[in-house]
PDB file of N, CA and C in Angstrom:
ATOM      1  N   UNK A   1       0.822  -1.199   0.000  1.00  0.00           N
ATOM      2  CA  UNK A   1       0.000   0.000   0.000  1.00  0.00           C
ATOM      3  C   UNK A   1       0.867   1.264   0.000  1.00  0.00           C
ATOM      4  N   UNK A   2       2.016   1.209   0.664  1.00  0.00           N
ATOM      5  CA  UNK A   2       2.861   2.403   0.731  1.00  0.00           C
ATOM      6  C   UNK A   2       3.389   2.781  -0.649  1.00  0.00           C
ATOM      7  N   UNK A   3       3.545   1.807  -1.542  1.00  0.00           N
ATOM      8  CA  UNK A   3       4.006   2.105  -2.891  1.00  0.00           C
ATOM      9  C   UNK A   3       2.932   2.859  -3.669  1.00  0.00           C
ATOM     10  N   UNK A   4       1.679   2.497  -3.458  1.00  0.00           N
ATOM     11  CA  UNK A   4       0.591   3.189  -4.146  1.00  0.00           C
ATOM     12  C   UNK A   4       0.424   4.609  -3.614  1.00  0.00           C
ATOM     13  N   UNK A   5       0.622   4.790  -2.320  1.00  0.00           N
ATOM     14  CA  UNK A   5       0.568   6.135  -1.750  1.00  0.00           C
ATOM     15  C   UNK A   5       1.716   6.974  -2.301  1.00  0.00           C
ATOM     16  N   UNK A   6       2.889   6.369  -2.426  1.00  0.00           N
ATOM     17  CA  UNK A   6       4.026   7.067  -3.017  1.00  0.00           C
ATOM     18  C   UNK A   6       3.746   7.488  -4.448  1.00  0.00           C
ATOM     19  N   UNK A   7       3.098   6.629  -5.200  1.00  0.00           N
ATOM     20  CA  UNK A   7       2.745   6.940  -6.581  1.00  0.00           C
ATOM     21  C   UNK A   7       1.770   8.112  -6.634  1.00  0.00           C
ATOM     22  N   UNK A   8       0.796   8.121  -5.740  1.00  0.00           N
ATOM     23  CA  UNK A   8      -0.164   9.222  -5.686  1.00  0.00           C
ATOM     24  C   UNK A   8       0.530  10.535  -5.311  1.00  0.00           C
ATOM     25  N   UNK A   9       1.451  10.480  -4.368  1.00  0.00           N
ATOM     26  CA  UNK A   9       2.184  11.678  -3.957  1.00  0.00           C
ATOM     27  C   UNK A   9       3.000  12.222  -5.122  1.00  0.00           C
ATOM     28  N   UNK A  10       3.628  11.344  -5.894  1.00  0.00           N
ATOM     29  CA  UNK A  10       4.401  11.782  -7.054  1.00  0.00           C
ATOM     30  C   UNK A  10       3.496  12.476  -8.064  1.00  0.00           C
ATOM     31  N   UNK A  11       2.307  11.942  -8.293  1.00  0.00           N
ATOM     32  CA  UNK A  11       1.379  12.571  -9.233  1.00  0.00           C
ATOM     33  C   UNK A  11       0.950  13.952  -8.740  1.00  0.00           C
ATOM     34  N   UNK A  12       0.694  14.089  -7.455  1.00  0.00           N
ATOM     35  CA  UNK A  12       0.301  15.384  -6.897  1.00  0.00           C
ATOM     36  C   UNK A  12       1.434  16.396  -7.043  1.00  0.00           C
ATOM     37  N   UNK A  13       2.655  15.980  -6.780  1.00  0.00           N
ATOM     38  CA  UNK A  13       3.798  16.889  -6.913  1.00  0.00           C
ATOM     39  C   UNK A  13       3.971  17.316  -8.367  1.00  0.00           C
ATOM     40  N   UNK A  14       3.729  16.405  -9.314  1.00  0.00           N
ATOM     41  CA  UNK A  14       3.826  16.757 -10.732  1.00  0.00           C
ATOM     42  C   UNK A  14       2.812  17.850 -11.084  1.00  0.00           C
ATOM     43  N   UNK A  15       1.612  17.734 -10.585  1.00  0.00           N
ATOM     44  CA  UNK A  15       0.588  18.740 -10.862  1.00  0.00           C
ATOM     45  C   UNK A  15       0.967  20.076 -10.220  1.00  0.00           C
ATOM     46  N   UNK A  16       1.479  20.033  -8.999  1.00  0.00           N
ATOM     47  CA  UNK A  16       1.874  21.259  -8.308  1.00  0.00           C
ATOM     48  C   UNK A  16       3.001  21.963  -9.055  1.00  0.00           C
ATOM     49  N   UNK A  17       3.996  21.199  -9.525  1.00  0.00           N
ATOM     50  CA  UNK A  17       5.101  21.797 -10.277  1.00  0.00           C
ATOM     51  C   UNK A  17       4.580  22.454 -11.545  1.00  0.00           C
ATOM     52  N   UNK A  18       3.682  21.793 -12.247  1.00  0.00           N
ATOM     53  CA  UNK A  18       3.125  22.349 -13.478  1.00  0.00           C
ATOM     54  C   UNK A  18       2.349  23.635 -13.199  1.00  0.00           C
ATOM     55  N   UNK A  19       1.506  23.610 -12.184  1.00  0.00           N
ATOM     56  CA  UNK A  19       0.706  24.797 -11.867  1.00  0.00           C
ATOM     57  C   UNK A  19       1.583  25.952 -11.390  1.00  0.00           C
ATOM     58  N   UNK A  20       2.584  25.653 -10.572  1.00  0.00           N
ATOM     59  CA  UNK A  20       3.479  26.714 -10.106  1.00  0.00           C
ATOM     60  C   UNK A  20       4.227  27.344 -11.273  1.00  0.00           C
ATOM     61  N   UNK A  21       4.689  26.531 -12.203  1.00  0.00           N
ATOM     62  CA  UNK A  21       5.434  27.071 -13.340  1.00  0.00           C
ATOM     63  C   UNK A  21       4.547  27.961 -14.202  1.00  0.00           C
ATOM     64  N   UNK A  22       3.330  27.545 -14.444  1.00  0.00           N
ATOM     65  CA  UNK A  22       2.465  28.302 -15.344  1.00  0.00           C
ATOM     66  C   UNK A  22       1.847  29.531 -14.694  1.00  0.00           C
ATOM     67  N   UNK A  23       1.386  29.421 -13.460  1.00  0.00           N
ATOM     68  CA  UNK A  23       0.614  30.508 -12.875  1.00  0.00           C
ATOM     69  C   UNK A  23       1.423  31.412 -11.954  1.00  0.00           C
ATOM     70  N   UNK A  24       2.382  30.862 -11.239  1.00  0.00           N
ATOM     71  CA  UNK A  24       3.165  31.693 -10.316  1.00  0.00           C
ATOM     72  C   UNK A  24       4.405  32.246 -11.011  1.00  0.00           C
ATOM     73  N   UNK A  25       5.119  31.393 -11.738  1.00  0.00           N
ATOM     74  CA  UNK A  25       6.369  31.806 -12.368  1.00  0.00           C
ATOM     75  C   UNK A  25       6.182  32.269 -13.808  1.00  0.00           C
ATOM     76  N   UNK A  26       4.967  32.215 -14.328  1.00  0.00           N
ATOM     77  CA  UNK A  26       4.616  32.663 -15.685  1.00  0.00           C
ATOM     78  C   UNK A  26       5.454  32.000 -16.773  1.00  0.00           C
ATOM     79  N   UNK A  27       5.851  30.755 -16.560  1.00  0.00           N
ATOM     80  CA  UNK A  27       6.584  30.014 -17.571  1.00  0.00           C
ATOM     81  C   UNK A  27       8.051  30.391 -17.702  1.00  0.00           C
ATOM     82  N   UNK A  28       8.563  31.165 -16.747  1.00  0.00           N
ATOM     83  CA  UNK A  28       9.960  31.601 -16.808  1.00  0.00           C
ATOM     84  C   UNK A  28      10.937  30.428 -16.691  1.00  0.00           C
ATOM     85  N   UNK A  29      10.579  29.449 -15.914  1.00  0.00           N
ATOM     86  CA  UNK A  29      11.464  28.314 -15.656  1.00  0.00           C
ATOM     87  C   UNK A  29      10.872  27.019 -16.199  1.00  0.00           C
ATOM     88  N   UNK A  30      10.325  27.086 -17.384  1.00  0.00           N
ATOM     89  CA  UNK A  30       9.635  25.921 -17.936  1.00  0.00           C
ATOM     90  C   UNK A  30      10.588  24.756 -18.205  1.00  0.00           C
ATOM     91  N   UNK A  31      11.847  25.042 -18.550  1.00  0.00           N
ATOM     92  CA  UNK A  31      12.804  23.958 -18.799  1.00  0.00           C
ATOM     93  C   UNK A  31      13.110  23.208 -17.504  1.00  0.00           C
ATOM     94  N   UNK A  32      13.283  23.950 -16.425  1.00  0.00           N
ATOM     95  CA  UNK A  32      13.552  23.305 -15.133  1.00  0.00           C
ATOM     96  C   UNK A  32      12.327  22.524 -14.674  1.00  0.00           C
ATOM     97  N   UNK A  33      11.148  23.100 -14.857  1.00  0.00           N
ATOM     98  CA  UNK A  33       9.917  22.407 -14.475  1.00  0.00           C
ATOM     99  C   UNK A  33       9.736  21.136 -15.295  1.00  0.00           C
ATOM    100  N   UNK A  34      10.042  21.190 -16.576  1.00  0.00           N
ATOM    101  CA  UNK A  34       9.923  19.999 -17.418  1.00  0.00           C
ATOM    102  C   UNK A  34      10.895  18.918 -16.973  1.00  0.00           C
ATOM    103  N   UNK A  35      12.106  19.321 -16.640  1.00  0.00           N
ATOM    104  CA  UNK A  35      13.095  18.365 -16.144  1.00  0.00           C
ATOM    105  C   UNK A  35      12.615  17.720 -14.847  1.00  0.00           C
ATOM    106  N   UNK A  36      12.071  18.528 -13.948  1.00  0.00           N
ATOM    107  CA  UNK A  36      11.540  17.989 -12.686  1.00  0.00           C
ATOM    108  C   UNK A  36      10.404  17.006 -12.934  1.00  0.00           C
ATOM    109  N   UNK A  37       9.525  17.330 -13.861  1.00  0.00           N
ATOM    110  CA  UNK A  37       8.394  16.457 -14.154  1.00  0.00           C
ATOM    111  C   UNK A  37       8.870  15.130 -14.735  1.00  0.00           C
ATOM    112  N   UNK A  38       9.883  15.172 -15.587  1.00  0.00           N
ATOM    113  CA  UNK A  38      10.425  13.923 -16.139  1.00  0.00           C
ATOM    114  C   UNK A  38      11.037  13.073 -15.025  1.00  0.00           C
ATOM    115  N   UNK A  39      11.781  13.692 -14.125  1.00  0.00           N
ATOM    116  CA  UNK A  39      12.379  12.943 -13.010  1.00  0.00           C
ATOM    117  C   UNK A  39      11.292  12.367 -12.092  1.00  0.00           C
ATOM    118  N   UNK A  40      10.251  13.137 -11.840  1.00  0.00           N
ATOM    119  CA  UNK A  40       9.148  12.635 -11.032  1.00  0.00           C
ATOM    120  C   UNK A  40       8.423  11.490 -11.730  1.00  0.00           C
ATOM    121  N   UNK A  41       8.294  11.587 -13.054  1.00  0.00           N
ATOM    122  CA  UNK A  41       7.669  10.506 -13.811  1.00  0.00           C
ATOM    123  C   UNK A  41       8.482   9.216 -13.682  1.00  0.00           C
ATOM    124  N   UNK A  42       9.800   9.339 -13.777  1.00  0.00           N
ATOM    125  CA  UNK A  42      10.650   8.151 -13.629  1.00  0.00           C
ATOM    126  C   UNK A  42      10.539   7.573 -12.222  1.00  0.00           C
ATOM    127  N   UNK A  43      10.498   8.432 -11.211  1.00  0.00           N
ATOM    128  CA  UNK A  43      10.330   7.965  -9.843  1.00  0.00           C
ATOM    129  C   UNK A  43       8.968   7.297  -9.665  1.00  0.00           C
ATOM    130  N   UNK A  44       7.938   7.864 -10.279  1.00  0.00           N
ATOM    131  CA  UNK A  44       6.604   7.255 -10.224  1.00  0.00           C
ATOM    132  C   UNK A  44       6.567   5.907 -10.910  1.00  0.00           C
ATOM    133  N   UNK A  45       7.319   5.758 -11.994  1.00  0.00           N
ATOM    134  CA  UNK A  45       7.408   4.476 -12.680  1.00  0.00           C
ATOM    135  C   UNK A  45       8.039   3.432 -11.778  1.00  0.00           C
ATOM    136  N   UNK A  46       9.056   3.823 -11.039  1.00  0.00           N
ATOM    137  CA  UNK A  46       9.690   2.904 -10.081  1.00  0.00           C
ATOM    138  C   UNK A  46       8.696   2.515  -8.986  1.00  0.00           C
ATOM    139  N   UNK A  47       7.939   3.484  -8.479  1.00  0.00           N
ATOM    140  CA  UNK A  47       6.913   3.175  -7.467  1.00  0.00           C
ATOM    141  C   UNK A  47       5.874   2.209  -8.021  1.00  0.00           C
ATOM    142  N   UNK A  48       5.463   2.419  -9.268  1.00  0.00           N
ATOM    143  CA  UNK A  48       4.477   1.542  -9.892  1.00  0.00           C
ATOM    144  C   UNK A  48       5.023   0.129 -10.047  1.00  0.00           C
ATOM    145  N   UNK A  49       6.274   0.014 -10.492  1.00  0.00           N
ATOM    146  CA  UNK A  49       6.877  -1.306 -10.664  1.00  0.00           C
ATOM    147  C   UNK A  49       6.994  -2.025  -9.324  1.00  0.00           C
ATOM    148  N   UNK A  50       7.392  -1.301  -8.281  1.00  0.00           N
ATOM    149  CA  UNK A  50       7.485  -1.905  -6.947  1.00  0.00           C
ATOM    150  C   UNK A  50       6.114  -2.343  -6.453  1.00  0.00           C
ATOM    151  N   UNK A  51       5.110  -1.503  -6.638  1.00  0.00           N
ATOM    152  CA  UNK A  51       3.762  -1.849  -6.188  1.00  0.00           C
ATOM    153  C   UNK A  51       3.254  -3.076  -6.928  1.00  0.00           C
ATOM    154  N   UNK A  52       3.487  -3.118  -8.217  1.00  0.00           N
ATOM    155  CA  UNK A  52       3.028  -4.267  -9.000  1.00  0.00           C
ATOM    156  C   UNK A  52       3.724  -5.552  -8.551  1.00  0.00           C
ATOM    157  N   UNK A  53       5.025  -5.462  -8.285  1.00  0.00           N
ATOM    158  CA  UNK A  53       5.777  -6.632  -7.845  1.00  0.00           C
ATOM    159  C   UNK A  53       5.291  -7.111  -6.475  1.00  0.00           C
ATOM    160  N   UNK A  54       5.174  -6.200  -5.516  1.00  0.00           N
ATOM    161  CA  UNK A  54       4.783  -6.601  -4.168  1.00  0.00           C
ATOM    162  C   UNK A  54       3.331  -7.046  -4.086  1.00  0.00           C
ATOM    163  N   UNK A  55       2.447  -6.398  -4.844  1.00  0.00           N
ATOM    164  CA  UNK A  55       1.048  -6.808  -4.812  1.00  0.00           C
ATOM    165  C   UNK A  55       0.844  -8.162  -5.489  1.00  0.00           C
ATOM    166  N   UNK A  56       1.548  -8.412  -6.581  1.00  0.00           N
ATOM    167  CA  UNK A  56       1.418  -9.717  -7.232  1.00  0.00           C
ATOM    168  C   UNK A  56       2.034 -10.807  -6.380  1.00  0.00           C
ATOM    169  N   UNK A  57       3.098 -10.501  -5.685  1.00  0.00           N
ATOM    170  CA  UNK A  57       3.741 -11.473  -4.791  1.00  0.00           C
ATOM    171  C   UNK A  57       2.834 -11.796  -3.618  1.00  0.00           C
ATOM    172  N   UNK A  58       2.113 -10.796  -3.139  1.00  0.00           N
ATOM    173  CA  UNK A  58       1.223 -10.968  -1.990  1.00  0.00           C
ATOM    174  C   UNK A  58       0.033 -11.884  -2.347  1.00  0.00           C
ATOM    175  N   UNK A  59      -0.521 -11.733  -3.550  1.00  0.00           N
ATOM    176  CA  UNK A  59      -1.720 -12.462  -3.908  1.00  0.00           C
ATOM    177  C   UNK A  59      -1.459 -13.785  -4.618  1.00  0.00           C
ATOM    178  N   UNK A  60      -0.186 -14.060  -4.965  1.00  0.00           N
ATOM    179  CA  UNK A  60       0.125 -15.335  -5.603  1.00  0.00           C
ATOM    180  C   UNK A  60       0.071 -16.491  -4.615  1.00  0.00           C
ATOM    181  N   UNK A  61       0.261 -16.166  -3.363  1.00  0.00           N
ATOM    182  CA  UNK A  61       0.075 -17.200  -2.353  1.00  0.00           C
ATOM    183  C   UNK A  61       1.309 -17.846  -1.945  1.00  0.00           C
TER     184      UNK A  61
END
């Protein structure tokens, strides 16, 4: 379950970074924001892979 919560947190941070870049920073740092979003996406992919592995291991018996 902690892996799924981690995945949700990563998605929320991605949305916050996007909104901050567009509305607060007016797109001034869009390259840095894009880089952050890509890194968060990769981290979220790792969380998803871990969750899938542990959940399938749990239910295989």
